[in-house]
Amino acid sequence: MTFDEYQKQAITTDTFGGKPQPITSMAFISKLLGLVGEAGEVADKFKKVYRDDESELTPEKLELMKKELGDVLWYISVMGSYLGLSLEDIAQLNLDKLSDRKARGVLKGSGDNR
């Protein structure tokens, strides 16, 4: 499955109809907040593995992580659809940016435009 195939299937499960949405719409804001919430759930699950399980990532915990990361991917995909952005293009742009930073030796550091 490609990113674009995923995106086409993911948008069919959008409760707001899967149409492009302005960033001020309830649909867009709910996806933005959902993304933040799901990212928090990923962090919380890792925190509990670190805190409660002496950092042992069991197969069961790994499966939970996979589900939460899938939720993050869904929100990113749908937000991209709302904005008319291809998930494939988003992924490629990110890889191009990171490859450029690696080539210039600036993967570490801070700032968006390094």
C-alpha atoms as a PDB file:
ATOM      1  CA  MET A   1       0.000   0.000   0.000  1.00  0.00           C
ATOM      2  CA  THR A   2       1.308   3.457  -0.860  1.00  0.00           C
ATOM      3  CA  PHE A   3       0.763   6.546   1.246  1.00  0.00           C
ATOM      4  CA  ASP A   4      -1.691   7.867  -1.332  1.00  0.00           C
ATOM      5  CA  GLU A   5      -3.657   4.607  -1.307  1.00  0.00           C
ATOM      6  CA  TYR A   6      -3.819   4.817   2.477  1.00  0.00           C
ATOM      7  CA  GLN A   7      -4.957   8.439   2.295  1.00  0.00           C
ATOM      8  CA  LYS A   8      -7.751   7.626  -0.163  1.00  0.00           C
ATOM      9  CA  GLN A   9      -9.044   4.885   2.115  1.00  0.00           C
ATOM     10  CA  ALA A  10      -8.567   6.866   5.341  1.00  0.00           C
ATOM     11  CA  ILE A  11     -10.628   9.838   4.177  1.00  0.00           C
ATOM     12  CA  THR A  12     -13.611   7.540   3.594  1.00  0.00           C
ATOM     13  CA  THR A  13     -13.826   7.092   7.381  1.00  0.00           C
ATOM     14  CA  ASP A  14     -13.984  10.825   8.087  1.00  0.00           C
ATOM     15  CA  THR A  15     -17.167  11.693   9.955  1.00  0.00           C
ATOM     16  CA  PHE A  16     -17.251  15.134   8.297  1.00  0.00           C
ATOM     17  CA  GLY A  17     -17.661  13.705   4.790  1.00  0.00           C
ATOM     18  CA  GLY A  18     -14.062  13.794   3.608  1.00  0.00           C
ATOM     19  CA  LYS A  19     -14.364  17.070   1.720  1.00  0.00           C
ATOM     20  CA  PRO A  20     -11.710  19.817   1.765  1.00  0.00           C
ATOM     21  CA  GLN A  21     -12.140  21.944   4.877  1.00  0.00           C
ATOM     22  CA  PRO A  22     -10.943  25.428   5.836  1.00  0.00           C
ATOM     23  CA  ILE A  23      -8.603  25.562   8.811  1.00  0.00           C
ATOM     24  CA  THR A  24     -11.274  27.406  10.795  1.00  0.00           C
ATOM     25  CA  SER A  25     -13.854  24.626  10.386  1.00  0.00           C
ATOM     26  CA  MET A  26     -14.958  22.322  13.175  1.00  0.00           C
ATOM     27  CA  ALA A  27     -13.791  19.397  11.031  1.00  0.00           C
ATOM     28  CA  PHE A  28     -10.238  20.735  10.722  1.00  0.00           C
ATOM     29  CA  ILE A  29      -9.937  21.838  14.346  1.00  0.00           C
ATOM     30  CA  SER A  30     -11.217  18.453  15.534  1.00  0.00           C
ATOM     31  CA  LYS A  31      -8.525  16.723  13.465  1.00  0.00           C
ATOM     32  CA  LEU A  32      -5.806  19.030  14.770  1.00  0.00           C
ATOM     33  CA  LEU A  33      -6.849  18.378  18.357  1.00  0.00           C
ATOM     34  CA  GLY A  34      -7.183  14.667  17.621  1.00  0.00           C
ATOM     35  CA  LEU A  35      -3.634  14.574  16.268  1.00  0.00           C
ATOM     36  CA  VAL A  36      -2.285  16.243  19.387  1.00  0.00           C
ATOM     37  CA  GLY A  37      -4.314  13.890  21.579  1.00  0.00           C
ATOM     38  CA  GLU A  38      -3.109  10.774  19.787  1.00  0.00           C
ATOM     39  CA  ALA A  39       0.512  11.940  19.888  1.00  0.00           C
ATOM     40  CA  GLY A  40       0.033  12.399  23.620  1.00  0.00           C
ATOM     41  CA  GLU A  41      -1.306   8.858  23.897  1.00  0.00           C
ATOM     42  CA  VAL A  42       1.815   7.531  22.143  1.00  0.00           C
ATOM     43  CA  ALA A  43       3.997   9.427  24.607  1.00  0.00           C
ATOM     44  CA  ASP A  44       1.902   8.255  27.560  1.00  0.00           C
ATOM     45  CA  LYS A  45       2.163   4.604  26.546  1.00  0.00           C
ATOM     46  CA  PHE A  46       5.948   4.875  26.271  1.00  0.00           C
ATOM     47  CA  LYS A  47       6.049   6.659  29.627  1.00  0.00           C
ATOM     48  CA  LYS A  48       4.225   3.771  31.257  1.00  0.00           C
ATOM     49  CA  VAL A  49       6.545   1.202  29.670  1.00  0.00           C
ATOM     50  CA  TYR A  50       9.509   3.186  30.957  1.00  0.00           C
ATOM     51  CA  ARG A  51       7.985   3.836  34.383  1.00  0.00           C
ATOM     52  CA  ASP A  52       6.141   0.591  35.100  1.00  0.00           C
ATOM     53  CA  ASP A  53       7.823  -2.071  32.988  1.00  0.00           C
ATOM     54  CA  GLU A  54      11.509  -1.159  33.333  1.00  0.00           C
ATOM     55  CA  SER A  55      11.519  -0.186  29.638  1.00  0.00           C
ATOM     56  CA  GLU A  56      10.599  -3.697  28.519  1.00  0.00           C
ATOM     57  CA  LEU A  57       8.562  -3.362  25.364  1.00  0.00           C
ATOM     58  CA  THR A  58       6.548  -6.579  25.272  1.00  0.00           C
ATOM     59  CA  PRO A  59       4.824  -7.781  22.089  1.00  0.00           C
ATOM     60  CA  GLU A  60       1.500  -6.712  23.623  1.00  0.00           C
ATOM     61  CA  LYS A  61       2.773  -3.210  24.373  1.00  0.00           C
ATOM     62  CA  LEU A  62       4.300  -2.980  20.906  1.00  0.00           C
ATOM     63  CA  GLU A  63       0.909  -3.823  19.399  1.00  0.00           C
ATOM     64  CA  LEU A  64      -0.662  -0.992  21.438  1.00  0.00           C
ATOM     65  CA  MET A  65       2.047   1.379  20.152  1.00  0.00           C
ATOM     66  CA  LYS A  66       1.312   0.317  16.594  1.00  0.00           C
ATOM     67  CA  LYS A  67      -2.378   1.147  17.055  1.00  0.00           C
ATOM     68  CA  GLU A  68      -1.638   4.576  18.522  1.00  0.00           C
ATOM     69  CA  LEU A  69       0.884   5.380  15.777  1.00  0.00           C
ATOM     70  CA  GLY A  70      -1.761   4.338  13.243  1.00  0.00           C
ATOM     71  CA  ASP A  71      -4.161   6.839  14.805  1.00  0.00           C
ATOM     72  CA  VAL A  72      -1.524   9.570  14.427  1.00  0.00           C
ATOM     73  CA  LEU A  73      -1.079   8.598  10.777  1.00  0.00           C
ATOM     74  CA  TRP A  74      -4.849   8.758  10.201  1.00  0.00           C
ATOM     75  CA  TYR A  75      -5.113  12.296  11.566  1.00  0.00           C
ATOM     76  CA  ILE A  76      -2.145  13.482   9.487  1.00  0.00           C
ATOM     77  CA  SER A  77      -3.628  11.846   6.414  1.00  0.00           C
ATOM     78  CA  VAL A  78      -7.059  13.414   6.841  1.00  0.00           C
ATOM     79  CA  MET A  79      -5.625  16.854   7.612  1.00  0.00           C
ATOM     80  CA  GLY A  80      -3.586  16.549   4.428  1.00  0.00           C
ATOM     81  CA  SER A  81      -6.731  15.634   2.500  1.00  0.00           C
ATOM     82  CA  TYR A  82      -8.563  18.653   3.897  1.00  0.00           C
ATOM     83  CA  LEU A  83      -5.708  20.860   2.698  1.00  0.00           C
ATOM     84  CA  GLY A  84      -5.470  19.207  -0.711  1.00  0.00           C
ATOM     85  CA  LEU A  85      -2.054  17.744   0.106  1.00  0.00           C
ATOM     86  CA  SER A  86      -0.989  14.276  -0.930  1.00  0.00           C
ATOM     87  CA  LEU A  87       0.346  12.124   1.916  1.00  0.00           C
ATOM     88  CA  GLU A  88       2.894  10.801  -0.576  1.00  0.00           C
ATOM     89  CA  ASP A  89       4.083  14.375  -1.249  1.00  0.00           C
ATOM     90  CA  ILE A  90       4.203  15.179   2.477  1.00  0.00           C
ATOM     91  CA  ALA A  91       6.321  12.075   3.124  1.00  0.00           C
ATOM     92  CA  GLN A  92       8.656  12.772   0.197  1.00  0.00           C
ATOM     93  CA  LEU A  93       9.140  16.419   1.166  1.00  0.00           C
ATOM     94  CA  ASN A  94      10.042  15.339   4.687  1.00  0.00           C
ATOM     95  CA  LEU A  95      12.580  12.785   3.439  1.00  0.00           C
ATOM     96  CA  ASP A  96      14.088  15.336   1.047  1.00  0.00           C
ATOM     97  CA  LYS A  97      14.442  17.856   3.888  1.00  0.00           C
ATOM     98  CA  LEU A  98      16.086  15.322   6.189  1.00  0.00           C
ATOM     99  CA  SER A  99      18.409  14.047   3.444  1.00  0.00           C
ATOM    100  CA  ASP A 100      19.514  17.610   2.756  1.00  0.00           C
ATOM    101  CA  ARG A 101      20.166  18.239   6.446  1.00  0.00           C
ATOM    102  CA  LYS A 102      22.129  14.993   6.690  1.00  0.00           C
ATOM    103  CA  ALA A 103      24.248  15.916   3.670  1.00  0.00           C
ATOM    104  CA  ARG A 104      25.005  19.304   5.228  1.00  0.00           C
ATOM    105  CA  GLY A 105      25.693  17.796   8.664  1.00  0.00           C
ATOM    106  CA  VAL A 106      22.868  19.657  10.395  1.00  0.00           C
ATOM    107  CA  LEU A 107      20.512  16.854  11.427  1.00  0.00           C
ATOM    108  CA  LYS A 108      21.170  17.846  15.024  1.00  0.00           C
ATOM    109  CA  GLY A 109      20.389  21.337  16.119  1.00  0.00           C
ATOM    110  CA  SER A 110      17.335  23.501  16.213  1.00  0.00           C
ATOM    111  CA  GLY A 111      15.370  25.631  13.826  1.00  0.00           C
ATOM    112  CA  ASP A 112      13.166  24.787  10.898  1.00  0.00           C
ATOM    113  CA  ASN A 113      15.463  26.309   8.271  1.00  0.00           C
ATOM    114  CA  ARG A 114      18.826  24.788   9.117  1.00  0.00           C
END
